[in-house]
Protein backbone atom coordinates (compact mmCIF):
# COMPACT_ATOMS: atom_id res chain seq x y z
CA GLN A 1 112.71 80.10 104.93
CA VAL A 2 111.54 83.69 105.18
CA GLN A 3 111.00 85.44 108.49
CA LEU A 4 108.61 88.37 108.78
CA VAL A 5 108.59 90.88 111.62
CA GLU A 6 105.71 93.34 111.87
CA SER A 7 105.51 96.56 113.83
CA GLY A 8 103.34 99.64 114.14
CA GLY A 9 100.06 98.36 115.52
CA GLY A 10 98.27 99.97 118.43
CA LEU A 11 95.20 101.76 119.69
CA VAL A 12 93.81 104.74 117.80
CA GLN A 13 90.57 106.69 117.75
CA ALA A 14 88.22 106.52 114.80
CA GLY A 15 89.40 108.84 112.05
CA GLY A 16 93.02 108.45 113.07
CA SER A 17 95.98 106.92 111.28
CA LEU A 18 98.51 104.17 111.81
CA ARG A 19 101.42 102.86 109.77
CA LEU A 20 102.37 99.21 109.81
CA SER A 21 105.76 97.91 108.73
CA CYS A 22 106.95 94.41 107.95
CA VAL A 23 110.56 93.42 107.37
CA ALA A 24 111.40 90.19 105.56
CA SER A 25 114.65 88.32 106.13
CA GLY A 26 116.12 84.95 105.28
CA SER A 27 115.85 83.34 101.85
CA ILE A 28 114.54 86.30 99.89
CA PHE A 29 113.19 85.42 96.47
CA SER A 30 113.08 88.01 93.71
CA ASN A 31 109.68 86.97 92.35
CA ASN A 32 107.50 87.72 95.35
CA VAL A 33 104.34 89.46 96.43
CA MET A 34 104.07 91.03 99.87
CA GLY A 35 100.84 91.98 101.50
CA TRP A 36 98.69 92.50 104.53
CA TYR A 37 95.77 90.43 105.74
CA ARG A 38 93.65 90.87 108.83
CA GLN A 39 91.53 88.75 111.12
CA ALA A 40 88.89 90.12 113.44
CA PRO A 41 87.54 88.06 116.36
CA GLY A 42 85.18 85.37 115.14
CA LYS A 43 85.91 86.09 111.48
CA GLN A 44 88.08 84.56 108.80
CA ARG A 45 91.36 86.08 107.76
CA GLU A 46 90.83 88.44 104.84
CA LEU A 47 92.93 90.25 102.30
CA VAL A 48 93.70 93.90 102.97
CA ALA A 49 96.22 94.73 100.25
CA THR A 50 99.11 93.30 98.27
CA VAL A 51 101.99 94.75 96.28
CA THR A 52 104.30 93.08 93.80
CA ARG A 53 108.01 93.72 93.58
CA GLY A 54 107.27 95.91 90.56
CA GLY A 55 104.79 98.01 92.52
CA THR A 56 101.46 96.67 91.30
CA THR A 57 98.92 96.97 94.08
CA ASN A 58 95.63 95.31 94.94
CA TYR A 59 93.19 96.40 97.66
CA SER A 60 90.06 95.04 99.20
CA ASP A 61 87.04 97.22 98.54
CA SER A 62 86.66 97.94 102.25
CA VAL A 63 89.98 99.81 102.45
CA LYS A 64 90.27 101.42 99.01
CA GLY A 65 90.88 105.13 99.28
CA ARG A 66 91.85 104.91 102.96
CA PHE A 67 94.82 102.53 103.06
CA THR A 68 97.99 102.65 100.99
CA ILE A 69 100.42 99.77 100.61
CA SER A 70 103.99 100.34 99.53
CA ARG A 71 107.32 98.55 99.67
CA ASP A 72 111.03 99.22 99.72
CA ASN A 73 112.69 96.39 97.84
CA ALA A 74 116.18 97.37 98.99
CA LYS A 75 115.05 96.96 102.59
CA ASN A 76 112.74 93.97 101.96
CA THR A 77 110.06 95.95 103.76
CA VAL A 78 106.37 96.47 103.11
CA TYR A 79 104.30 99.25 104.65
CA LEU A 80 100.61 99.82 105.18
CA GLN A 81 99.54 103.40 105.75
CA MET A 82 96.07 103.35 107.26
CA ASN A 83 94.09 106.60 107.31
CA SER A 84 90.52 107.40 108.28
CA LEU A 85 90.42 104.33 110.46
CA LYS A 86 87.06 102.90 111.48
CA PRO A 87 86.11 100.64 114.40
CA GLU A 88 85.47 97.86 111.89
CA ASP A 89 89.16 97.97 110.96
CA THR A 90 89.93 96.50 114.38
CA ALA A 91 91.76 93.21 113.85
CA VAL A 92 95.07 91.45 114.05
CA TYR A 93 97.01 92.42 110.93
CA TYR A 94 99.31 89.83 109.39
CA CYS A 95 102.13 90.38 106.95
CA ASN A 96 102.36 87.89 104.11
CA TYR A 97 105.17 86.98 101.73
CA ALA A 98 104.36 84.76 98.78
CA VAL A 99 106.73 83.47 96.13
CA LEU A 100 105.01 83.51 92.76
CA PHE A 101 104.46 80.18 90.96
CA THR A 102 105.42 78.19 94.06
CA SER A 103 103.71 77.03 97.21
CA ARG A 104 106.05 79.11 99.37
CA ASN A 105 103.88 81.33 101.54
CA TYR A 106 105.00 82.91 104.81
CA TRP A 107 103.22 84.78 107.60
CA GLY A 108 104.28 87.19 110.29
CA GLN A 109 103.21 86.84 113.91
CA GLY A 110 100.55 89.54 113.61
CA THR A 111 100.12 92.97 115.11
CA GLN A 112 96.97 94.20 116.85
CA VAL A 113 95.17 97.25 115.53
CA THR A 114 92.34 98.57 117.66
CA VAL A 115 90.17 101.49 116.59
CA SER A 116 87.95 103.00 119.25
CA SER A 117 84.73 104.82 118.44
């Protein structure tokens, strides 16, 4: 099992910044991808960004150029730096940990991000 603990959400004005963190613990696998997803009220959960252990990143088009995902493998931690936030970024943000080539897929409890206009 892998446990994920997120932090860093909150309320911010449009144009502001927030940094999310997610720490993984438990049965850490070397071949993993960590990422962030979000779910707004009434909408499906969607990909925000992912990063492999080697540092390869993937972003949704809606956040490219504004958000940056990074990770510290020694600390089993993934970060999401969110700049130029927009009201449409308001959602619960979930940390994800997926073990490649397996069905092992873990989720954090979620952290609320609210962007006021």
